[in-house]
PDB file of N, CA and C in Angstrom:
ATOM      1  N   MET A   1      50.172 -57.174 -35.462  1.00  0.00           N
ATOM      2  CA  MET A   1      49.802 -56.168 -36.438  1.00  0.00           C
ATOM      3  C   MET A   1      49.383 -54.900 -35.710  1.00  0.00           C
ATOM      4  N   ASP A   2      49.906 -53.795 -36.139  1.00  0.00           N
ATOM      5  CA  ASP A   2      49.619 -52.505 -35.511  1.00  0.00           C
ATOM      6  C   ASP A   2      48.378 -51.890 -36.152  1.00  0.00           C
ATOM      7  N   ARG A   3      47.367 -51.644 -35.344  1.00  0.00           N
ATOM      8  CA  ARG A   3      46.136 -51.030 -35.845  1.00  0.00           C
ATOM      9  C   ARG A   3      46.178 -49.533 -35.576  1.00  0.00           C
ATOM     10  N   ARG A   4      45.845 -48.764 -36.586  1.00  0.00           N
ATOM     11  CA  ARG A   4      45.749 -47.314 -36.440  1.00  0.00           C
ATOM     12  C   ARG A   4      44.294 -46.923 -36.614  1.00  0.00           C
ATOM     13  N   TYR A   5      43.870 -45.950 -35.830  1.00  0.00           N
ATOM     14  CA  TYR A   5      42.484 -45.515 -35.854  1.00  0.00           C
ATOM     15  C   TYR A   5      42.403 -44.031 -36.165  1.00  0.00           C
ATOM     16  N   MET A   6      41.279 -43.648 -36.799  1.00  0.00           N
ATOM     17  CA  MET A   6      40.969 -42.241 -37.050  1.00  0.00           C
ATOM     18  C   MET A   6      39.688 -41.934 -36.287  1.00  0.00           C
ATOM     19  N   ASP A   7      39.610 -40.733 -35.756  1.00  0.00           N
ATOM     20  CA  ASP A   7      38.345 -40.342 -35.141  1.00  0.00           C
ATOM     21  C   ASP A   7      37.356 -39.960 -36.240  1.00  0.00           C
ATOM     22  N   ALA A   8      36.140 -39.642 -35.852  1.00  0.00           N
ATOM     23  CA  ALA A   8      35.082 -39.358 -36.826  1.00  0.00           C
ATOM     24  C   ALA A   8      35.435 -38.154 -37.699  1.00  0.00           C
ATOM     25  N   ARG A   9      36.036 -37.141 -37.125  1.00  0.00           N
ATOM     26  CA  ARG A   9      36.396 -35.939 -37.892  1.00  0.00           C
ATOM     27  C   ARG A   9      37.459 -36.265 -38.944  1.00  0.00           C
ATOM     28  N   GLU A  10      38.468 -37.031 -38.561  1.00  0.00           N
ATOM     29  CA  GLU A  10      39.513 -37.417 -39.514  1.00  0.00           C
ATOM     30  C   GLU A  10      38.952 -38.312 -40.611  1.00  0.00           C
ATOM     31  N   THR A  11      38.022 -39.202 -40.246  1.00  0.00           N
ATOM     32  CA  THR A  11      37.399 -40.075 -41.224  1.00  0.00           C
ATOM     33  C   THR A  11      36.586 -39.268 -42.228  1.00  0.00           C
ATOM     34  N   ALA A  12      35.836 -38.298 -41.743  1.00  0.00           N
ATOM     35  CA  ALA A  12      35.046 -37.440 -42.625  1.00  0.00           C
ATOM     36  C   ALA A  12      35.957 -36.692 -43.595  1.00  0.00           C
ATOM     37  N   ALA A  13      37.060 -36.163 -43.106  1.00  0.00           N
ATOM     38  CA  ALA A  13      37.994 -35.441 -43.971  1.00  0.00           C
ATOM     39  C   ALA A  13      38.627 -36.385 -44.998  1.00  0.00           C
ATOM     40  N   PHE A  14      39.000 -37.578 -44.561  1.00  0.00           N
ATOM     41  CA  PHE A  14      39.618 -38.549 -45.453  1.00  0.00           C
ATOM     42  C   PHE A  14      38.675 -38.927 -46.593  1.00  0.00           C
ATOM     43  N   LEU A  15      37.386 -39.093 -46.286  1.00  0.00           N
ATOM     44  CA  LEU A  15      36.400 -39.494 -47.286  1.00  0.00           C
ATOM     45  C   LEU A  15      35.755 -38.315 -48.003  1.00  0.00           C
ATOM     46  N   ASN A  16      36.097 -37.106 -47.589  1.00  0.00           N
ATOM     47  CA  ASN A  16      35.492 -35.892 -48.134  1.00  0.00           C
ATOM     48  C   ASN A  16      33.968 -35.918 -47.959  1.00  0.00           C
ATOM     49  N   MET A  17      33.549 -36.319 -46.774  1.00  0.00           N
ATOM     50  CA  MET A  17      32.136 -36.380 -46.410  1.00  0.00           C
ATOM     51  C   MET A  17      31.936 -35.497 -45.186  1.00  0.00           C
ATOM     52  N   SER A  18      30.680 -35.219 -44.861  1.00  0.00           N
ATOM     53  CA  SER A  18      30.400 -34.396 -43.687  1.00  0.00           C
ATOM     54  C   SER A  18      30.529 -35.235 -42.418  1.00  0.00           C
ATOM     55  N   LEU A  19      30.794 -34.572 -41.328  1.00  0.00           N
ATOM     56  CA  LEU A  19      30.888 -35.237 -40.035  1.00  0.00           C
ATOM     57  C   LEU A  19      29.555 -35.867 -39.663  1.00  0.00           C
ATOM     58  N   SER A  20      28.461 -35.190 -39.974  1.00  0.00           N
ATOM     59  CA  SER A  20      27.149 -35.762 -39.667  1.00  0.00           C
ATOM     60  C   SER A  20      26.908 -37.037 -40.464  1.00  0.00           C
ATOM     61  N   TRP A  21      27.401 -37.138 -41.700  1.00  0.00           N
ATOM     62  CA  TRP A  21      27.263 -38.369 -42.467  1.00  0.00           C
ATOM     63  C   TRP A  21      27.986 -39.514 -41.769  1.00  0.00           C
ATOM     64  N   VAL A  22      29.171 -39.240 -41.260  1.00  0.00           N
ATOM     65  CA  VAL A  22      29.944 -40.285 -40.580  1.00  0.00           C
ATOM     66  C   VAL A  22      29.162 -40.819 -39.385  1.00  0.00           C
ATOM     67  N   TYR A  23      28.600 -39.934 -38.579  1.00  0.00           N
ATOM     68  CA  TYR A  23      27.854 -40.378 -37.405  1.00  0.00           C
ATOM     69  C   TYR A  23      26.523 -41.033 -37.779  1.00  0.00           C
ATOM     70  N   ARG A  24      25.832 -40.501 -38.742  1.00  0.00           N
ATOM     71  CA  ARG A  24      24.461 -40.919 -39.028  1.00  0.00           C
ATOM     72  C   ARG A  24      24.376 -42.058 -40.040  1.00  0.00           C
ATOM     73  N   ASP A  25      25.156 -42.016 -41.107  1.00  0.00           N
ATOM     74  CA  ASP A  25      24.932 -42.912 -42.235  1.00  0.00           C
ATOM     75  C   ASP A  25      26.043 -43.909 -42.531  1.00  0.00           C
ATOM     76  N   SER A  26      27.213 -43.743 -41.969  1.00  0.00           N
ATOM     77  CA  SER A  26      28.326 -44.615 -42.360  1.00  0.00           C
ATOM     78  C   SER A  26      28.045 -46.088 -42.059  1.00  0.00           C
ATOM     79  N   ALA A  27      27.485 -46.392 -40.905  1.00  0.00           N
ATOM     80  CA  ALA A  27      27.208 -47.793 -40.563  1.00  0.00           C
ATOM     81  C   ALA A  27      26.180 -48.389 -41.522  1.00  0.00           C
ATOM     82  N   ARG A  28      25.188 -47.615 -41.897  1.00  0.00           N
ATOM     83  CA  ARG A  28      24.167 -48.089 -42.830  1.00  0.00           C
ATOM     84  C   ARG A  28      24.780 -48.395 -44.192  1.00  0.00           C
ATOM     85  N   CYS A  29      25.843 -47.698 -44.539  1.00  0.00           N
ATOM     86  CA  CYS A  29      26.514 -47.901 -45.828  1.00  0.00           C
ATOM     87  C   CYS A  29      27.624 -48.952 -45.751  1.00  0.00           C
ATOM     88  N   GLY A  30      27.790 -49.570 -44.592  1.00  0.00           N
ATOM     89  CA  GLY A  30      28.763 -50.652 -44.459  1.00  0.00           C
ATOM     90  C   GLY A  30      30.077 -50.266 -43.822  1.00  0.00           C
ATOM     91  N   LEU A  31      30.245 -49.032 -43.426  1.00  0.00           N
ATOM     92  CA  LEU A  31      31.476 -48.591 -42.769  1.00  0.00           C
ATOM     93  C   LEU A  31      31.224 -48.592 -41.265  1.00  0.00           C
ATOM     94  N   ARG A  32      31.682 -49.627 -40.611  1.00  0.00           N
ATOM     95  CA  ARG A  32      31.404 -49.806 -39.189  1.00  0.00           C
ATOM     96  C   ARG A  32      32.556 -49.264 -38.359  1.00  0.00           C
ATOM     97  N   GLY A  33      32.219 -48.532 -37.311  1.00  0.00           N
ATOM     98  CA  GLY A  33      33.217 -47.966 -36.422  1.00  0.00           C
ATOM     99  C   GLY A  33      33.380 -48.787 -35.162  1.00  0.00           C
ATOM    100  N   TYR A  34      34.288 -48.339 -34.323  1.00  0.00           N
ATOM    101  CA  TYR A  34      34.543 -48.945 -33.026  1.00  0.00           C
ATOM    102  C   TYR A  34      34.212 -47.915 -31.962  1.00  0.00           C
ATOM    103  N   LYS A  35      33.549 -48.339 -30.918  1.00  0.00           N
ATOM    104  CA  LYS A  35      33.170 -47.442 -29.835  1.00  0.00           C
ATOM    105  C   LYS A  35      34.110 -47.692 -28.659  1.00  0.00           C
ATOM    106  N   PHE A  36      34.858 -46.657 -28.299  1.00  0.00           N
ATOM    107  CA  PHE A  36      35.783 -46.735 -27.177  1.00  0.00           C
ATOM    108  C   PHE A  36      35.222 -45.894 -26.032  1.00  0.00           C
ATOM    109  N   GLY A  37      35.020 -46.511 -24.898  1.00  0.00           N
ATOM    110  CA  GLY A  37      34.443 -45.822 -23.758  1.00  0.00           C
ATOM    111  C   GLY A  37      32.960 -46.122 -23.665  1.00  0.00           C
ATOM    112  N   SER A  38      32.313 -45.432 -22.736  1.00  0.00           N
ATOM    113  CA  SER A  38      30.886 -45.657 -22.556  1.00  0.00           C
ATOM    114  C   SER A  38      30.202 -44.340 -22.225  1.00  0.00           C
ATOM    115  N   GLY A  39      28.911 -44.335 -22.425  1.00  0.00           N
ATOM    116  CA  GLY A  39      28.127 -43.148 -22.106  1.00  0.00           C
ATOM    117  C   GLY A  39      28.403 -41.991 -23.041  1.00  0.00           C
ATOM    118  N   ARG A  40      28.250 -40.793 -22.510  1.00  0.00           N
ATOM    119  CA  ARG A  40      28.412 -39.577 -23.314  1.00  0.00           C
ATOM    120  C   ARG A  40      29.845 -39.317 -23.736  1.00  0.00           C
ATOM    121  N   ASN A  41      30.789 -39.924 -23.034  1.00  0.00           N
ATOM    122  CA  ASN A  41      32.199 -39.706 -23.350  1.00  0.00           C
ATOM    123  C   ASN A  41      32.758 -40.733 -24.327  1.00  0.00           C
ATOM    124  N   ALA A  42      31.920 -41.617 -24.840  1.00  0.00           N
ATOM    125  CA  ALA A  42      32.376 -42.640 -25.785  1.00  0.00           C
ATOM    126  C   ALA A  42      32.865 -41.974 -27.066  1.00  0.00           C
ATOM    127  N   LYS A  43      33.900 -42.531 -27.626  1.00  0.00           N
ATOM    128  CA  LYS A  43      34.479 -42.025 -28.869  1.00  0.00           C
ATOM    129  C   LYS A  43      34.313 -43.065 -29.966  1.00  0.00           C
ATOM    130  N   ILE A  44      33.872 -42.631 -31.123  1.00  0.00           N
ATOM    131  CA  ILE A  44      33.755 -43.501 -32.280  1.00  0.00           C
ATOM    132  C   ILE A  44      35.032 -43.347 -33.101  1.00  0.00           C
ATOM    133  N   GLN A  45      35.661 -44.468 -33.384  1.00  0.00           N
ATOM    134  CA  GLN A  45      36.897 -44.475 -34.146  1.00  0.00           C
ATOM    135  C   GLN A  45      36.746 -45.469 -35.292  1.00  0.00           C
ATOM    136  N   PHE A  46      37.505 -45.247 -36.349  1.00  0.00           N
ATOM    137  CA  PHE A  46      37.476 -46.114 -37.519  1.00  0.00           C
ATOM    138  C   PHE A  46      38.891 -46.571 -37.812  1.00  0.00           C
ATOM    139  N   GLU A  47      39.059 -47.861 -38.078  1.00  0.00           N
ATOM    140  CA  GLU A  47      40.373 -48.385 -38.394  1.00  0.00           C
ATOM    141  C   GLU A  47      40.774 -47.900 -39.791  1.00  0.00           C
ATOM    142  N   VAL A  48      41.958 -47.370 -39.928  1.00  0.00           N
ATOM    143  CA  VAL A  48      42.433 -46.762 -41.172  1.00  0.00           C
ATOM    144  C   VAL A  48      42.350 -47.742 -42.337  1.00  0.00           C
ATOM    145  N   ASN A  49      42.839 -48.959 -42.151  1.00  0.00           N
ATOM    146  CA  ASN A  49      42.834 -49.936 -43.254  1.00  0.00           C
ATOM    147  C   ASN A  49      41.419 -50.306 -43.665  1.00  0.00           C
ATOM    148  N   GLU A  50      40.487 -50.382 -42.717  1.00  0.00           N
ATOM    149  CA  GLU A  50      39.102 -50.695 -43.055  1.00  0.00           C
ATOM    150  C   GLU A  50      38.453 -49.564 -43.855  1.00  0.00           C
ATOM    151  N   VAL A  51      38.772 -48.321 -43.504  1.00  0.00           N
ATOM    152  CA  VAL A  51      38.217 -47.178 -44.242  1.00  0.00           C
ATOM    153  C   VAL A  51      38.753 -47.178 -45.672  1.00  0.00           C
ATOM    154  N   LYS A  52      40.038 -47.422 -45.829  1.00  0.00           N
ATOM    155  CA  LYS A  52      40.631 -47.469 -47.171  1.00  0.00           C
ATOM    156  C   LYS A  52      40.032 -48.600 -47.995  1.00  0.00           C
ATOM    157  N   ARG A  53      39.865 -49.767 -47.384  1.00  0.00           N
ATOM    158  CA  ARG A  53      39.284 -50.916 -48.079  1.00  0.00           C
ATOM    159  C   ARG A  53      37.830 -50.629 -48.464  1.00  0.00           C
ATOM    160  N   TRP A  54      37.072 -50.010 -47.555  1.00  0.00           N
ATOM    161  CA  TRP A  54      35.681 -49.649 -47.829  1.00  0.00           C
ATOM    162  C   TRP A  54      35.610 -48.678 -49.013  1.00  0.00           C
ATOM    163  N   ALA A  55      36.486 -47.681 -49.029  1.00  0.00           N
ATOM    164  CA  ALA A  55      36.489 -46.698 -50.108  1.00  0.00           C
ATOM    165  C   ALA A  55      36.868 -47.356 -51.441  1.00  0.00           C
ATOM    166  N   ASP A  56      37.833 -48.262 -51.422  1.00  0.00           N
ATOM    167  CA  ASP A  56      38.239 -48.946 -52.661  1.00  0.00           C
ATOM    168  C   ASP A  56      37.112 -49.793 -53.233  1.00  0.00           C
ATOM    169  N   GLN A  57      36.279 -50.355 -52.379  1.00  0.00           N
ATOM    170  CA  GLN A  57      35.160 -51.184 -52.835  1.00  0.00           C
ATOM    171  C   GLN A  57      34.081 -50.365 -53.514  1.00  0.00           C
ATOM    172  N   ARG A  58      34.078 -49.057 -53.322  1.00  0.00           N
ATOM    173  CA  ARG A  58      33.067 -48.187 -53.923  1.00  0.00           C
ATOM    174  C   ARG A  58      33.540 -47.560 -55.223  1.00  0.00           C
ATOM    175  N   ARG A  59      34.689 -47.946 -55.712  1.00  0.00           N
ATOM    176  CA  ARG A  59      35.219 -47.404 -56.958  1.00  0.00           C
ATOM    177  C   ARG A  59      34.290 -47.783 -58.107  1.00  0.00           C
ATOM    178  N   MET A  60      33.975 -46.811 -58.913  1.00  0.00           N
ATOM    179  CA  MET A  60      33.091 -47.052 -60.074  1.00  0.00           C
ATOM    180  C   MET A  60      33.897 -47.657 -61.208  1.00  0.00           C
ATOM    181  N   PRO A  61      33.264 -48.551 -61.983  1.00  0.00           N
ATOM    182  CA  PRO A  61      33.989 -49.197 -63.095  1.00  0.00           C
ATOM    183  C   PRO A  61      34.275 -48.200 -64.208  1.00  0.00           C
TER     184      PRO A  61
END
């Protein structure tokens, strides 16, 4: 299975949220990212299918 990832900026745009929300609050709300690298150069990425699934779960009735 081919996994595609979005960086934090792309994730924020996809969800129409601020970049600071993605870094600060997304994990608390259940949207967990992946950390690639270490130290100050580490990049936070989000799997596209997980972001879509997370957004679908928040649909209001």
